[in-house]
Amino acid sequence: MKQNLENIKVGDTVIFSMGGIYCSTIIDKVTRVTPKQFEVRSYRFRKKDGSMVGDVYRHCRLATEKDIEDFKMEQHRNSLRNKICKFFKSYQNIDSLTIDEMEKINAIISKPQQ
C-alpha cells in the first residue's frame, strides 16, 4: 500500500516490515528528513511513495492507533510465550506446580486447535 509521505516530519510514527521468512514488523519514529527521503533507525525511505531505498519490496506508511495497539499486543503475546517456554524447559519448575495448576494447564493444551 503506497502512501504519499511528502509532509512527513521528524517524530512521526511509521510502520514497516523487515525480513523474509521470519518477517517482523517495526513501528518507530522518523529520525531524519531530507527533501526527497526520510530515515527511521538506519533505514531510508522515499517520500513520494514510502518505498525503501535499495529495496523495491518494502514500503513504509504512517502508523495508525490500531497498528500501534496490535503491535503492542503482539509484543506482549511474544513475551508471555517466551516466559512460558522458558518455564517448561526446567523440570524443577514443573515439579513445583500443584495438581490443580497442572489440571488447568492440561485443560488448556487439550482443547482442539481451531
Protein backbone atom coordinates (compact mmCIF):
# COMPACT_ATOMS: atom_id res chain seq x y z
CA MET A 1 0.00 0.00 0.00
CA LYS A 2 1.79 3.12 -1.23
CA GLN A 3 1.26 6.38 0.60
CA ASN A 4 2.47 9.86 -0.25
CA LEU A 5 4.67 10.98 2.62
CA GLU A 6 5.77 14.39 1.30
CA ASN A 7 4.65 16.12 4.53
CA ILE A 8 6.30 13.64 6.92
CA LYS A 9 8.33 15.19 9.73
CA VAL A 10 10.77 14.12 12.44
CA GLY A 11 8.88 12.38 15.24
CA ASP A 12 6.06 10.95 13.09
CA THR A 13 5.35 7.29 13.85
CA VAL A 14 5.61 4.90 10.90
CA ILE A 15 5.24 1.16 10.33
CA PHE A 16 7.08 -1.23 8.00
CA SER A 17 8.05 -4.91 7.84
CA MET A 18 11.51 -6.46 7.70
CA GLY A 19 12.77 -9.94 6.94
CA GLY A 20 11.73 -12.74 4.65
CA ILE A 21 10.77 -16.00 6.33
CA TYR A 22 10.75 -14.51 9.84
CA CYS A 23 9.01 -11.27 8.97
CA SER A 24 8.99 -8.72 11.77
CA THR A 25 7.03 -5.50 11.99
CA ILE A 26 8.79 -2.32 13.03
CA ILE A 27 6.97 0.69 14.43
CA ASP A 28 9.24 3.61 15.18
CA LYS A 29 9.61 7.36 14.84
CA VAL A 30 11.13 9.23 11.91
CA THR A 31 14.61 10.40 12.94
CA ARG A 32 15.68 12.48 9.93
CA VAL A 33 14.02 14.12 6.93
CA THR A 34 15.66 15.30 3.69
CA PRO A 35 13.94 16.90 0.67
CA LYS A 36 13.30 13.50 -1.02
CA GLN A 37 13.77 10.89 1.72
CA PHE A 38 13.32 10.20 5.41
CA GLU A 39 15.04 7.87 7.87
CA VAL A 40 13.73 5.51 10.52
CA ARG A 41 16.54 3.92 12.54
CA SER A 42 19.12 3.12 9.85
CA TYR A 43 16.54 2.62 7.06
CA ARG A 44 15.85 5.20 4.36
CA PHE A 45 12.54 5.60 2.54
CA ARG A 46 11.35 7.75 -0.36
CA LYS A 47 8.81 10.45 0.46
CA LYS A 48 6.97 10.09 -2.86
CA ASP A 49 5.71 6.54 -2.21
CA GLY A 50 7.22 5.22 1.05
CA SER A 51 9.40 2.63 -0.70
CA MET A 52 12.67 1.65 0.97
CA VAL A 53 15.83 2.94 -0.72
CA GLY A 54 17.66 -0.07 -2.17
CA ASP A 55 14.69 -2.45 -1.80
CA VAL A 56 11.65 -2.41 -4.06
CA TYR A 57 9.60 -4.81 -1.90
CA ARG A 58 9.46 -2.93 1.41
CA HIS A 59 7.25 0.07 1.99
CA CYS A 60 6.68 2.37 4.94
CA ARG A 61 3.48 4.14 5.90
CA LEU A 62 2.18 6.25 8.77
CA ALA A 63 1.16 4.06 11.71
CA THR A 64 -2.44 4.23 12.91
CA GLU A 65 -3.56 3.84 16.53
CA LYS A 66 -4.80 0.34 15.62
CA ASP A 67 -1.35 -0.55 14.20
CA ILE A 68 0.31 0.56 17.43
CA GLU A 69 -2.22 -1.30 19.60
CA ASP A 70 -1.87 -4.50 17.53
CA PHE A 71 1.93 -4.23 17.68
CA LYS A 72 1.90 -3.86 21.47
CA MET A 73 -0.46 -6.85 21.83
CA GLU A 74 1.79 -8.99 19.62
CA GLN A 75 4.86 -7.95 21.64
CA HIS A 76 3.03 -8.86 24.86
CA ARG A 77 1.96 -12.21 23.39
CA ASN A 78 5.54 -13.00 22.36
CA SER A 79 6.81 -12.07 25.82
CA LEU A 80 4.28 -14.37 27.50
CA ARG A 81 5.07 -17.20 25.09
CA ASN A 82 8.80 -16.88 25.81
CA LYS A 83 8.24 -16.88 29.58
CA ILE A 84 6.01 -19.96 29.36
CA CYS A 85 8.51 -21.82 27.13
CA LYS A 86 11.35 -20.94 29.48
CA PHE A 87 9.32 -22.11 32.50
CA PHE A 88 8.55 -25.51 30.98
CA LYS A 89 12.15 -26.19 29.93
CA SER A 90 13.01 -26.87 33.58
CA TYR A 91 11.62 -29.96 35.31
CA GLN A 92 12.19 -28.22 38.65
CA ASN A 93 9.64 -25.60 37.67
CA ILE A 94 7.15 -28.24 36.57
CA ASP A 95 7.60 -30.16 39.83
CA SER A 96 6.67 -27.00 41.74
CA LEU A 97 3.17 -26.93 40.16
CA THR A 98 0.20 -28.14 42.17
CA ILE A 99 -2.18 -30.76 40.80
CA ASP A 100 -4.85 -28.07 40.28
CA GLU A 101 -2.41 -25.93 38.27
CA MET A 102 -1.38 -28.92 36.17
CA GLU A 103 -5.05 -29.81 35.54
CA LYS A 104 -5.71 -26.24 34.35
CA ILE A 105 -2.71 -26.42 32.02
CA ASN A 106 -3.85 -29.81 30.76
CA ALA A 107 -7.34 -28.42 30.07
CA ILE A 108 -5.82 -25.59 28.03
CA ILE A 109 -3.49 -27.79 25.96
CA SER A 110 -6.16 -30.47 25.45
CA LYS A 111 -8.52 -28.04 23.69
CA PRO A 112 -8.81 -28.84 19.98
CA GLN A 113 -6.91 -26.42 17.74
CA GLN A 114 -9.05 -24.14 15.60
